[in-house]
Amino acid sequence: MKNFFNFLKSRTFLIQLGLAAVAVIVLVFVTLQWLKGTTNHGEFVEVPDFSKMSVMEMRKAVEEAGLRYQVLDSSDFNPEYPRFSILDQNPPAGNKVKANRKIYFTVNPSGYKKVTVPDIIQVTQRNAASMLRAVGLEVERVTYIDELGKDMVYRMKHKGKYISPGDRLPKTSKVELVCGNGTIPGSARVQADSQ
């Protein structure tokens, strides 16, 4: 054990220990310099604002900025933005990112997605309006015909044409409800009187 402690105090051991320390310091320094050069440490690109740009304009601007991109699908149509324009981007405009960073884009589709018309025949006008709103359709107006069921929906129209439950319309379409006014139709009254 005494020899071991003498070895730790020897000149040879101290020289080897010093050389090892210098080698570690040089290795760390070289590694840090290499990382700084390969990761572009301290060099950033500011993300431009791509909102409302067309996809073609966005591609050109991304290449000029030295970035990459990926287009994500969008199911939410925004009428305030042009069709096939950029709705959203991640990271947002103004952020500082490394060159060659991928930017994710959400694109405005060509129109509203289509929804299925619910079965509101023989349903009250009030409930029918709620069911239509729930799927994203709107009641444009209500017209009345001679039918016994007051405020009961008998037919539906879209742009003047009759539609049926299960048909598909673009979201936010306006539907006309044809409801009964609570009077017995003339043909039914004639048949009842003749019997």
N, C-alpha and C. Protein backbone atom coordinates (compact mmCIF):
# COMPACT_ATOMS: atom_id res chain seq x y z
N MET A 1 0.82 -1.18 0.00
CA MET A 1 0.00 0.00 0.00
C MET A 1 0.87 1.25 0.00
N LYS A 2 2.00 1.17 0.70
CA LYS A 2 2.92 2.29 0.77
C LYS A 2 3.50 2.60 -0.61
N ASN A 3 3.75 1.50 -1.40
CA ASN A 3 4.28 1.69 -2.75
C ASN A 3 3.26 2.42 -3.65
N PHE A 4 2.01 2.10 -3.45
CA PHE A 4 0.95 2.73 -4.25
C PHE A 4 0.93 4.23 -4.00
N PHE A 5 0.98 4.66 -2.73
CA PHE A 5 0.98 6.08 -2.42
C PHE A 5 2.26 6.75 -2.93
N ASN A 6 3.37 6.06 -2.88
CA ASN A 6 4.61 6.62 -3.43
C ASN A 6 4.49 6.80 -4.95
N PHE A 7 3.83 5.84 -5.60
CA PHE A 7 3.63 5.95 -7.05
C PHE A 7 2.77 7.17 -7.38
N LEU A 8 1.71 7.42 -6.58
CA LEU A 8 0.84 8.57 -6.81
C LEU A 8 1.60 9.88 -6.65
N LYS A 9 2.66 9.89 -5.85
CA LYS A 9 3.46 11.10 -5.63
C LYS A 9 4.63 11.19 -6.60
N SER A 10 4.84 10.17 -7.41
CA SER A 10 6.01 10.14 -8.29
C SER A 10 5.85 11.12 -9.45
N ARG A 11 6.99 11.52 -10.00
CA ARG A 11 7.03 12.48 -11.09
C ARG A 11 6.40 11.88 -12.36
N THR A 12 6.58 10.64 -12.64
CA THR A 12 6.05 9.96 -13.82
C THR A 12 4.52 9.99 -13.81
N PHE A 13 3.93 9.67 -12.68
CA PHE A 13 2.46 9.67 -12.58
C PHE A 13 1.90 11.07 -12.80
N LEU A 14 2.54 12.09 -12.19
CA LEU A 14 2.05 13.45 -12.32
C LEU A 14 2.16 13.95 -13.76
N ILE A 15 3.23 13.56 -14.46
CA ILE A 15 3.37 13.95 -15.88
C ILE A 15 2.26 13.28 -16.70
N GLN A 16 2.00 11.99 -16.46
CA GLN A 16 0.94 11.28 -17.19
C GLN A 16 -0.44 11.89 -16.91
N LEU A 17 -0.66 12.25 -15.66
CA LEU A 17 -1.94 12.87 -15.27
C LEU A 17 -2.09 14.22 -15.97
N GLY A 18 -1.06 15.01 -16.03
CA GLY A 18 -1.09 16.31 -16.72
C GLY A 18 -1.35 16.15 -18.20
N LEU A 19 -0.67 15.16 -18.84
CA LEU A 19 -0.90 14.93 -20.27
C LEU A 19 -2.34 14.48 -20.54
N ALA A 20 -2.88 13.65 -19.67
CA ALA A 20 -4.28 13.20 -19.83
C ALA A 20 -5.23 14.39 -19.71
N ALA A 21 -5.01 15.28 -18.76
CA ALA A 21 -5.85 16.46 -18.58
C ALA A 21 -5.78 17.36 -19.81
N VAL A 22 -4.58 17.58 -20.34
CA VAL A 22 -4.42 18.40 -21.55
C VAL A 22 -5.15 17.75 -22.72
N ALA A 23 -5.03 16.42 -22.86
CA ALA A 23 -5.70 15.70 -23.95
C ALA A 23 -7.22 15.85 -23.85
N VAL A 24 -7.77 15.75 -22.64
CA VAL A 24 -9.22 15.91 -22.44
C VAL A 24 -9.64 17.32 -22.81
N ILE A 25 -8.88 18.33 -22.37
CA ILE A 25 -9.23 19.72 -22.67
C ILE A 25 -9.18 19.98 -24.18
N VAL A 26 -8.16 19.48 -24.85
CA VAL A 26 -8.06 19.65 -26.31
C VAL A 26 -9.21 18.93 -27.00
N LEU A 27 -9.55 17.73 -26.58
CA LEU A 27 -10.64 16.96 -27.18
C LEU A 27 -11.98 17.68 -27.02
N VAL A 28 -12.25 18.21 -25.83
CA VAL A 28 -13.49 18.95 -25.58
C VAL A 28 -13.54 20.20 -26.46
N PHE A 29 -12.42 20.94 -26.54
CA PHE A 29 -12.36 22.16 -27.34
C PHE A 29 -12.63 21.86 -28.82
N VAL A 30 -11.97 20.82 -29.35
CA VAL A 30 -12.15 20.44 -30.76
C VAL A 30 -13.60 20.02 -31.01
N THR A 31 -14.17 19.25 -30.10
CA THR A 31 -15.56 18.80 -30.25
C THR A 31 -16.52 19.98 -30.26
N LEU A 32 -16.33 20.93 -29.35
CA LEU A 32 -17.20 22.10 -29.30
C LEU A 32 -17.09 22.94 -30.58
N GLN A 33 -15.90 23.11 -31.10
CA GLN A 33 -15.71 23.85 -32.34
C GLN A 33 -16.37 23.14 -33.52
N TRP A 34 -16.25 21.81 -33.54
CA TRP A 34 -16.88 21.03 -34.60
C TRP A 34 -18.40 21.16 -34.53
N LEU A 35 -18.97 21.07 -33.32
CA LEU A 35 -20.42 21.21 -33.15
C LEU A 35 -20.88 22.61 -33.55
N LYS A 36 -20.12 23.62 -33.19
CA LYS A 36 -20.47 24.99 -33.53
C LYS A 36 -20.53 25.18 -35.04
N GLY A 37 -19.58 24.57 -35.74
CA GLY A 37 -19.56 24.68 -37.20
C GLY A 37 -20.65 23.89 -37.88
N THR A 38 -20.95 22.70 -37.41
CA THR A 38 -21.94 21.85 -38.08
C THR A 38 -23.38 22.19 -37.71
N THR A 39 -23.60 22.75 -36.54
CA THR A 39 -24.97 23.09 -36.14
C THR A 39 -25.30 24.55 -36.37
N ASN A 40 -24.38 25.30 -36.98
CA ASN A 40 -24.59 26.73 -37.24
C ASN A 40 -24.99 27.46 -35.97
N HIS A 41 -24.25 27.24 -34.92
CA HIS A 41 -24.55 27.82 -33.62
C HIS A 41 -24.61 29.35 -33.71
N GLY A 42 -25.71 29.90 -33.24
CA GLY A 42 -25.87 31.35 -33.24
C GLY A 42 -26.38 31.90 -34.56
N GLU A 43 -26.56 31.06 -35.57
CA GLU A 43 -27.07 31.51 -36.87
C GLU A 43 -28.53 31.11 -37.00
N PHE A 44 -29.39 32.10 -37.22
CA PHE A 44 -30.83 31.84 -37.28
C PHE A 44 -31.43 32.48 -38.52
N VAL A 45 -32.55 31.93 -38.94
CA VAL A 45 -33.34 32.48 -40.03
C VAL A 45 -34.68 32.91 -39.42
N GLU A 46 -35.14 34.11 -39.75
CA GLU A 46 -36.44 34.54 -39.25
C GLU A 46 -37.52 33.97 -40.16
N VAL A 47 -38.55 33.36 -39.55
CA VAL A 47 -39.64 32.74 -40.32
C VAL A 47 -40.52 33.85 -40.89
N PRO A 48 -40.67 33.89 -42.23
CA PRO A 48 -41.54 34.90 -42.84
C PRO A 48 -43.02 34.62 -42.54
N ASP A 49 -43.86 35.63 -42.79
CA ASP A 49 -45.31 35.47 -42.64
C ASP A 49 -45.87 34.96 -43.96
N PHE A 50 -46.36 33.73 -43.95
CA PHE A 50 -46.86 33.10 -45.17
C PHE A 50 -48.38 33.20 -45.29
N SER A 51 -49.07 33.83 -44.34
CA SER A 51 -50.53 33.82 -44.34
C SER A 51 -51.09 34.45 -45.61
N LYS A 52 -52.13 33.84 -46.11
CA LYS A 52 -52.87 34.23 -47.32
C LYS A 52 -52.06 34.09 -48.61
N MET A 53 -50.83 33.55 -48.53
CA MET A 53 -50.07 33.28 -49.76
C MET A 53 -50.65 32.04 -50.44
N SER A 54 -50.55 32.00 -51.76
CA SER A 54 -50.93 30.77 -52.46
C SER A 54 -49.83 29.74 -52.21
N VAL A 55 -50.12 28.50 -52.52
CA VAL A 55 -49.15 27.43 -52.29
C VAL A 55 -47.90 27.66 -53.16
N MET A 56 -48.08 28.14 -54.38
CA MET A 56 -46.94 28.41 -55.26
C MET A 56 -46.06 29.53 -54.70
N GLU A 57 -46.68 30.59 -54.22
CA GLU A 57 -45.92 31.71 -53.62
C GLU A 57 -45.19 31.22 -52.37
N MET A 58 -45.86 30.39 -51.57
CA MET A 58 -45.25 29.87 -50.35
C MET A 58 -44.02 29.04 -50.68
N ARG A 59 -44.10 28.18 -51.68
CA ARG A 59 -42.95 27.34 -52.06
C ARG A 59 -41.74 28.20 -52.41
N LYS A 60 -41.96 29.24 -53.19
CA LYS A 60 -40.87 30.11 -53.60
C LYS A 60 -40.27 30.83 -52.39
N ALA A 61 -41.12 31.35 -51.51
CA ALA A 61 -40.63 32.08 -50.32
C ALA A 61 -39.88 31.15 -49.36
N VAL A 62 -40.33 29.90 -49.24
CA VAL A 62 -39.65 28.94 -48.35
C VAL A 62 -38.25 28.64 -48.88
N GLU A 63 -38.14 28.44 -50.18
CA GLU A 63 -36.83 28.16 -50.78
C GLU A 63 -35.88 29.35 -50.62
N GLU A 64 -36.42 30.57 -50.82
CA GLU A 64 -35.59 31.76 -50.67
C GLU A 64 -35.09 31.94 -49.24
N ALA A 65 -35.90 31.53 -48.28
CA ALA A 65 -35.52 31.66 -46.87
C ALA A 65 -34.60 30.53 -46.41
N GLY A 66 -34.37 29.53 -47.25
CA GLY A 66 -33.51 28.41 -46.87
C GLY A 66 -34.17 27.45 -45.91
N LEU A 67 -35.48 27.29 -46.05
CA LEU A 67 -36.25 26.41 -45.16
C LEU A 67 -36.86 25.28 -45.97
N ARG A 68 -37.45 24.32 -45.29
CA ARG A 68 -38.21 23.24 -45.91
C ARG A 68 -39.66 23.37 -45.46
N TYR A 69 -40.57 22.66 -46.11
CA TYR A 69 -41.98 22.77 -45.73
C TYR A 69 -42.69 21.43 -45.86
N GLN A 70 -43.82 21.36 -45.16
CA GLN A 70 -44.73 20.22 -45.30
C GLN A 70 -46.14 20.77 -45.20
N VAL A 71 -46.99 20.41 -46.16
CA VAL A 71 -48.37 20.88 -46.19
C VAL A 71 -49.24 19.86 -45.47
N LEU A 72 -50.01 20.34 -44.51
CA LEU A 72 -50.95 19.49 -43.77
C LEU A 72 -52.34 19.67 -44.37
N ASP A 73 -53.17 18.65 -44.28
CA ASP A 73 -54.54 18.77 -44.77
C ASP A 73 -55.33 19.71 -43.89
N SER A 74 -56.33 20.32 -44.49
CA SER A 74 -57.20 21.20 -43.72
C SER A 74 -58.64 20.84 -44.02
N SER A 75 -59.43 20.71 -42.98
CA SER A 75 -60.84 20.41 -43.18
C SER A 75 -61.71 21.62 -42.90
N ASP A 76 -61.13 22.68 -42.36
CA ASP A 76 -61.90 23.87 -42.00
C ASP A 76 -61.72 24.96 -43.05
N PHE A 77 -62.76 25.21 -43.82
CA PHE A 77 -62.71 26.25 -44.84
C PHE A 77 -62.93 27.59 -44.17
N ASN A 78 -62.11 28.58 -44.52
CA ASN A 78 -62.26 29.93 -43.98
C ASN A 78 -62.56 30.86 -45.15
N PRO A 79 -63.81 31.39 -45.24
CA PRO A 79 -64.17 32.21 -46.40
C PRO A 79 -63.41 33.54 -46.46
N GLU A 80 -62.75 33.95 -45.37
CA GLU A 80 -61.99 35.21 -45.36
C GLU A 80 -60.63 35.06 -46.04
N TYR A 81 -60.21 33.83 -46.32
CA TYR A 81 -58.93 33.57 -46.97
C TYR A 81 -59.19 33.06 -48.38
N PRO A 82 -58.31 33.36 -49.34
CA PRO A 82 -58.49 32.81 -50.69
C PRO A 82 -58.39 31.29 -50.67
N ARG A 83 -59.03 30.65 -51.65
CA ARG A 83 -58.96 29.20 -51.75
C ARG A 83 -57.52 28.77 -52.00
N PHE A 84 -57.12 27.68 -51.40
CA PHE A 84 -55.78 27.11 -51.52
C PHE A 84 -54.69 28.09 -51.08
N SER A 85 -55.00 28.89 -50.09
CA SER A 85 -53.99 29.79 -49.52
C SER A 85 -53.61 29.28 -48.13
N ILE A 86 -52.54 29.85 -47.58
CA ILE A 86 -52.03 29.41 -46.28
C ILE A 86 -52.91 29.97 -45.17
N LEU A 87 -53.48 29.06 -44.35
CA LEU A 87 -54.30 29.46 -43.20
C LEU A 87 -53.45 29.62 -41.95
N ASP A 88 -52.52 28.69 -41.75
CA ASP A 88 -51.76 28.66 -40.51
C ASP A 88 -50.38 28.08 -40.79
N GLN A 89 -49.42 28.46 -39.95
CA GLN A 89 -48.07 27.93 -40.09
C GLN A 89 -47.48 27.67 -38.72
N ASN A 90 -46.60 26.67 -38.66
CA ASN A 90 -45.93 26.34 -37.41
C ASN A 90 -44.48 26.02 -37.74
N PRO A 91 -43.51 26.74 -37.18
CA PRO A 91 -43.59 27.82 -36.20
C PRO A 91 -44.16 29.10 -36.82
N PRO A 92 -44.73 29.96 -35.96
CA PRO A 92 -45.35 31.19 -36.43
C PRO A 92 -44.35 32.17 -37.03
N ALA A 93 -44.86 33.14 -37.77
CA ALA A 93 -44.03 34.17 -38.39
C ALA A 93 -43.28 34.95 -37.31
N GLY A 94 -42.03 35.30 -37.61
CA GLY A 94 -41.22 36.07 -36.69
C GLY A 94 -40.32 35.24 -35.80
N ASN A 95 -40.60 33.94 -35.67
CA ASN A 95 -39.73 33.07 -34.86
C ASN A 95 -38.39 32.91 -35.55
N LYS A 96 -37.36 32.71 -34.76
CA LYS A 96 -36.03 32.48 -35.31
C LYS A 96 -35.75 30.97 -35.24
N VAL A 97 -35.40 30.41 -36.41
CA VAL A 97 -35.14 28.97 -36.51
C VAL A 97 -33.84 28.74 -37.26
N LYS A 98 -33.33 27.53 -37.20
CA LYS A 98 -32.13 27.15 -37.94
C LYS A 98 -32.46 27.03 -39.43
N ALA A 99 -31.46 27.25 -40.25
CA ALA A 99 -31.63 27.06 -41.69
C ALA A 99 -32.00 25.59 -41.94
N ASN A 100 -32.79 25.37 -42.97
CA ASN A 100 -33.24 24.04 -43.36
C ASN A 100 -34.28 23.45 -42.42
N ARG A 101 -34.86 24.26 -41.55
CA ARG A 101 -35.91 23.82 -40.64
C ARG A 101 -37.19 23.60 -41.43
N LYS A 102 -37.98 22.61 -41.03
CA LYS A 102 -39.23 22.31 -41.71
C LYS A 102 -40.35 23.16 -41.10
N ILE A 103 -41.10 23.83 -41.96
CA ILE A 103 -42.25 24.64 -41.55
C ILE A 103 -43.51 23.88 -41.98
N TYR A 104 -44.48 23.77 -41.07
CA TYR A 104 -45.71 23.04 -41.34
C TYR A 104 -46.82 24.03 -41.68
N PHE A 105 -47.53 23.77 -42.79
CA PHE A 105 -48.56 24.68 -43.26
C PHE A 105 -49.92 24.00 -43.30
N THR A 106 -50.96 24.77 -42.94
CA THR A 106 -52.34 24.35 -43.10
C THR A 106 -52.92 25.19 -44.24
N VAL A 107 -53.50 24.52 -45.22
CA VAL A 107 -53.98 25.20 -46.43
C VAL A 107 -55.51 25.26 -46.43
N ASN A 108 -56.04 26.40 -46.88
CA ASN A 108 -57.48 26.57 -46.99
C ASN A 108 -58.01 25.71 -48.13
N PRO A 109 -58.98 24.82 -47.87
CA PRO A 109 -59.50 23.98 -48.95
C PRO A 109 -60.32 24.81 -49.95
N SER A 110 -60.80 24.17 -50.99
CA SER A 110 -61.53 24.88 -52.04
C SER A 110 -62.94 25.28 -51.60
N GLY A 111 -63.43 24.68 -50.56
CA GLY A 111 -64.77 25.03 -50.08
C GLY A 111 -65.08 24.24 -48.82
N TYR A 112 -66.28 24.46 -48.32
CA TYR A 112 -66.69 23.77 -47.11
C TYR A 112 -66.82 22.27 -47.39
N LYS A 113 -66.53 21.47 -46.38
CA LYS A 113 -66.73 20.03 -46.54
C LYS A 113 -68.22 19.75 -46.56
N LYS A 114 -68.58 18.62 -47.14
CA LYS A 114 -70.00 18.27 -47.25
C LYS A 114 -70.46 17.54 -45.99
N VAL A 115 -71.70 17.84 -45.60
CA VAL A 115 -72.32 17.19 -44.44
C VAL A 115 -73.60 16.50 -44.91
N THR A 116 -74.02 15.51 -44.15
CA THR A 116 -75.22 14.75 -44.49
C THR A 116 -76.44 15.44 -43.90
N VAL A 117 -77.48 15.59 -44.73
CA VAL A 117 -78.73 16.21 -44.27
C VAL A 117 -79.43 15.23 -43.33
N PRO A 118 -79.74 15.67 -42.10
CA PRO A 118 -80.41 14.76 -41.16
C PRO A 118 -81.87 14.52 -41.54
N ASP A 119 -82.45 13.48 -41.00
CA ASP A 119 -83.86 13.16 -41.27
C ASP A 119 -84.73 14.01 -40.34
N ILE A 120 -85.25 15.10 -40.89
CA ILE A 120 -86.09 16.00 -40.08
C ILE A 120 -87.53 16.02 -40.57
N ILE A 121 -87.87 15.09 -41.45
CA ILE A 121 -89.26 14.99 -41.92
C ILE A 121 -90.11 14.50 -40.75
N GLN A 122 -91.28 15.13 -40.58
CA GLN A 122 -92.22 14.84 -39.47
C GLN A 122 -91.63 15.23 -38.11
N VAL A 123 -90.76 16.22 -38.11
CA VAL A 123 -90.18 16.77 -36.89
C VAL A 123 -90.64 18.22 -36.81
N THR A 124 -90.83 18.74 -35.60
CA THR A 124 -91.26 20.13 -35.48
C THR A 124 -90.18 21.07 -36.04
N GLN A 125 -90.65 22.23 -36.49
CA GLN A 125 -89.74 23.21 -37.09
C GLN A 125 -88.61 23.58 -36.12
N ARG A 126 -88.92 23.77 -34.87
CA ARG A 126 -87.93 24.16 -33.87
C ARG A 126 -86.85 23.08 -33.71
N ASN A 127 -87.27 21.82 -33.58
CA ASN A 127 -86.31 20.73 -33.45
C ASN A 127 -85.51 20.53 -34.75
N ALA A 128 -86.19 20.70 -35.88
CA ALA A 128 -85.51 20.54 -37.17
C ALA A 128 -84.40 21.58 -37.32
N ALA A 129 -84.67 22.83 -36.92
CA ALA A 129 -83.66 23.89 -37.01
C ALA A 129 -82.46 23.55 -36.13
N SER A 130 -82.71 23.01 -34.94
CA SER A 130 -81.61 22.61 -34.05
C SER A 130 -80.79 21.47 -34.65
N MET A 131 -81.46 20.49 -35.25
CA MET A 131 -80.77 19.36 -35.86
C MET A 131 -79.92 19.81 -37.06
N LEU A 132 -80.44 20.75 -37.83
CA LEU A 132 -79.68 21.27 -38.97
C LEU A 132 -78.45 22.05 -38.50
N ARG A 133 -78.63 22.90 -37.48
CA ARG A 133 -77.50 23.67 -36.93
C ARG A 133 -76.42 22.74 -36.39
N ALA A 134 -76.83 21.62 -35.81
CA ALA A 134 -75.87 20.68 -35.21
C ALA A 134 -74.92 20.10 -36.25
N VAL A 135 -75.37 19.94 -37.50
CA VAL A 135 -74.49 19.40 -38.53
C VAL A 135 -73.84 20.49 -39.37
N GLY A 136 -74.19 21.77 -39.10
CA GLY A 136 -73.54 22.87 -39.81
C GLY A 136 -74.37 23.47 -40.93
N LEU A 137 -75.65 23.17 -40.99
CA LEU A 137 -76.54 23.76 -41.98
C LEU A 137 -77.38 24.85 -41.33
N GLU A 138 -77.94 25.74 -42.15
CA GLU A 138 -78.74 26.84 -41.61
C GLU A 138 -80.11 26.83 -42.25
N VAL A 139 -81.10 27.34 -41.51
CA VAL A 139 -82.45 27.49 -42.04
C VAL A 139 -82.53 28.85 -42.72
N GLU A 140 -82.77 28.84 -44.02
CA GLU A 140 -82.86 30.10 -44.77
C GLU A 140 -84.22 30.75 -44.55
N ARG A 141 -85.25 29.95 -44.71
CA ARG A 141 -86.62 30.46 -44.49
C ARG A 141 -87.55 29.27 -44.30
N VAL A 142 -88.76 29.59 -43.85
CA VAL A 142 -89.79 28.58 -43.62
C VAL A 142 -91.00 28.97 -44.46
N THR A 143 -91.49 28.05 -45.27
CA THR A 143 -92.72 28.28 -46.02
C THR A 143 -93.76 27.28 -45.52
N TYR A 144 -95.01 27.64 -45.71
CA TYR A 144 -96.10 26.82 -45.17
C TYR A 144 -96.99 26.31 -46.29
N ILE A 145 -97.48 25.09 -46.08
CA ILE A 145 -98.43 24.47 -47.00
C ILE A 145 -99.61 23.98 -46.16
N ASP A 146 -100.72 23.67 -46.84
CA ASP A 146 -101.89 23.16 -46.14
C ASP A 146 -101.64 21.71 -45.72
N GLU A 147 -101.32 21.53 -44.48
CA GLU A 147 -101.16 20.21 -43.86
C GLU A 147 -101.60 20.33 -42.42
N LEU A 148 -102.11 19.24 -41.88
CA LEU A 148 -102.68 19.24 -40.54
C LEU A 148 -101.63 19.54 -39.45
N GLY A 149 -100.43 18.99 -39.56
CA GLY A 149 -99.40 19.17 -38.53
C GLY A 149 -98.85 20.59 -38.54
N LYS A 150 -99.28 21.41 -37.60
CA LYS A 150 -98.82 22.81 -37.55
C LYS A 150 -97.34 22.84 -37.17
N ASP A 151 -96.53 23.56 -37.96
CA ASP A 151 -95.08 23.70 -37.78
C ASP A 151 -94.34 22.35 -37.86
N MET A 152 -94.94 21.37 -38.52
CA MET A 152 -94.29 20.08 -38.75
C MET A 152 -93.61 20.14 -40.11
N VAL A 153 -92.36 19.67 -40.20
CA VAL A 153 -91.62 19.72 -41.46
C VAL A 153 -92.11 18.58 -42.36
N TYR A 154 -92.50 18.94 -43.61
CA TYR A 154 -92.94 17.94 -44.58
C TYR A 154 -91.94 17.76 -45.72
N ARG A 155 -91.24 18.82 -46.06
CA ARG A 155 -90.24 18.75 -47.14
C ARG A 155 -89.11 19.73 -46.84
N MET A 156 -88.01 19.55 -47.59
CA MET A 156 -86.87 20.48 -47.49
C MET A 156 -86.44 20.87 -48.89
N LYS A 157 -85.95 22.11 -49.03
CA LYS A 157 -85.45 22.59 -50.31
C LYS A 157 -84.08 23.22 -50.10
N HIS A 158 -83.26 23.11 -51.15
CA HIS A 158 -81.97 23.80 -51.18
C HIS A 158 -81.83 24.41 -52.57
N LYS A 159 -81.72 25.73 -52.62
CA LYS A 159 -81.63 26.47 -53.89
C LYS A 159 -82.79 26.12 -54.81
N GLY A 160 -83.99 26.03 -54.23
CA GLY A 160 -85.20 25.79 -55.00
C GLY A 160 -85.49 24.35 -55.37
N LYS A 161 -84.58 23.43 -55.05
CA LYS A 161 -84.79 22.02 -55.40
C LYS A 161 -85.05 21.22 -54.13
N TYR A 162 -85.93 20.25 -54.25
CA TYR A 162 -86.23 19.40 -53.09
C TYR A 162 -85.02 18.52 -52.77
N ILE A 163 -84.77 18.36 -51.50
CA ILE A 163 -83.69 17.48 -51.05
C ILE A 163 -84.28 16.47 -50.08
N SER A 164 -83.57 15.38 -49.88
CA SER A 164 -84.03 14.29 -49.02
C SER A 164 -83.05 14.07 -47.88
N PRO A 165 -83.51 13.46 -46.79
CA PRO A 165 -82.56 13.09 -45.73
C PRO A 165 -81.50 12.17 -46.30
N GLY A 166 -80.25 12.38 -45.91
CA GLY A 166 -79.14 11.58 -46.40
C GLY A 166 -78.38 12.24 -47.54
N ASP A 167 -79.00 13.25 -48.20
CA ASP A 167 -78.27 13.98 -49.24
C ASP A 167 -77.12 14.72 -48.59
N ARG A 168 -76.12 15.06 -49.40
CA ARG A 168 -74.94 15.76 -48.87
C ARG A 168 -74.89 17.17 -49.43
N LEU A 169 -74.71 18.14 -48.51
CA LEU A 169 -74.61 19.55 -48.88
C LEU A 169 -73.36 20.14 -48.27
N PRO A 170 -72.80 21.19 -48.90
CA PRO A 170 -71.65 21.86 -48.27
C PRO A 170 -72.05 22.47 -46.93
N LYS A 171 -71.15 22.39 -45.96
CA LYS A 171 -71.41 22.96 -44.64
C LYS A 171 -71.75 24.45 -44.81
N THR A 172 -72.61 24.97 -43.97
CA THR A 172 -73.14 26.34 -43.96
C THR A 172 -74.16 26.59 -45.07
N SER A 173 -74.59 25.54 -45.80
CA SER A 173 -75.63 25.73 -46.81
C SER A 173 -76.92 26.13 -46.12
N LYS A 174 -77.76 26.86 -46.87
CA LYS A 174 -79.04 27.33 -46.33
C LYS A 174 -80.16 26.45 -46.89
N VAL A 175 -81.02 26.00 -45.98
CA VAL A 175 -82.09 25.07 -46.33
C VAL A 175 -83.43 25.74 -46.06
N GLU A 176 -84.38 25.52 -46.96
CA GLU A 176 -85.73 26.02 -46.77
C GLU A 176 -86.59 24.87 -46.23
N LEU A 177 -87.32 25.14 -45.16
CA LEU A 177 -88.20 24.14 -44.57
C LEU A 177 -89.62 24.39 -45.06
N VAL A 178 -90.28 23.34 -45.51
CA VAL A 178 -91.67 23.42 -45.93
C VAL A 178 -92.49 22.75 -44.83
N CYS A 179 -93.25 23.55 -44.09
CA CYS A 179 -93.98 23.08 -42.90
C CYS A 179 -95.49 23.18 -43.10
N GLY A 180 -96.21 22.43 -42.28
CA GLY A 180 -97.66 22.50 -42.29
C GLY A 180 -98.16 23.72 -41.54
N ASN A 181 -99.33 24.25 -42.01
CA ASN A 181 -99.89 25.44 -41.35
C ASN A 181 -101.04 25.09 -40.40
N GLY A 182 -101.34 23.81 -40.24
CA GLY A 182 -102.37 23.40 -39.28
C GLY A 182 -103.75 23.26 -39.86
N THR A 183 -103.91 23.46 -41.17
CA THR A 183 -105.23 23.30 -41.78
C THR A 183 -105.26 21.98 -42.56
N ILE A 184 -106.46 21.42 -42.67
CA ILE A 184 -106.61 20.17 -43.41
C ILE A 184 -106.57 20.50 -44.90
N PRO A 185 -105.77 19.76 -45.68
CA PRO A 185 -105.71 20.03 -47.12
C PRO A 185 -107.07 19.83 -47.76
N GLY A 186 -107.34 20.60 -48.81
CA GLY A 186 -108.63 20.56 -49.51
C GLY A 186 -108.96 19.18 -50.02
N SER A 187 -108.02 18.43 -50.57
CA SER A 187 -108.29 17.10 -51.11
C SER A 187 -108.68 16.14 -50.01
N ALA A 188 -108.10 16.25 -48.82
CA ALA A 188 -108.44 15.37 -47.70
C ALA A 188 -109.83 15.70 -47.20
N ARG A 189 -110.23 16.97 -47.19
CA ARG A 189 -111.56 17.37 -46.74
C ARG A 189 -112.62 16.85 -47.69
N VAL A 190 -112.35 16.90 -49.00
CA VAL A 190 -113.30 16.41 -50.00
C VAL A 190 -113.50 14.91 -49.83
N GLN A 191 -112.42 14.15 -49.64
CA GLN A 191 -112.52 12.70 -49.47
C GLN A 191 -113.29 12.36 -48.20
N ALA A 192 -113.09 13.09 -47.12
CA ALA A 192 -113.79 12.82 -45.87
C ALA A 192 -115.28 13.11 -46.01
N ASP A 193 -115.63 14.19 -46.72
CA ASP A 193 -117.05 14.55 -46.90
C ASP A 193 -117.77 13.55 -47.79
N SER A 194 -117.06 12.95 -48.78
CA SER A 194 -117.71 12.05 -49.72
C SER A 194 -117.99 10.68 -49.12
N GLN A 195 -117.36 10.34 -48.03
CA GLN A 195 -117.55 9.00 -47.44
C GLN A 195 -118.76 8.96 -46.62
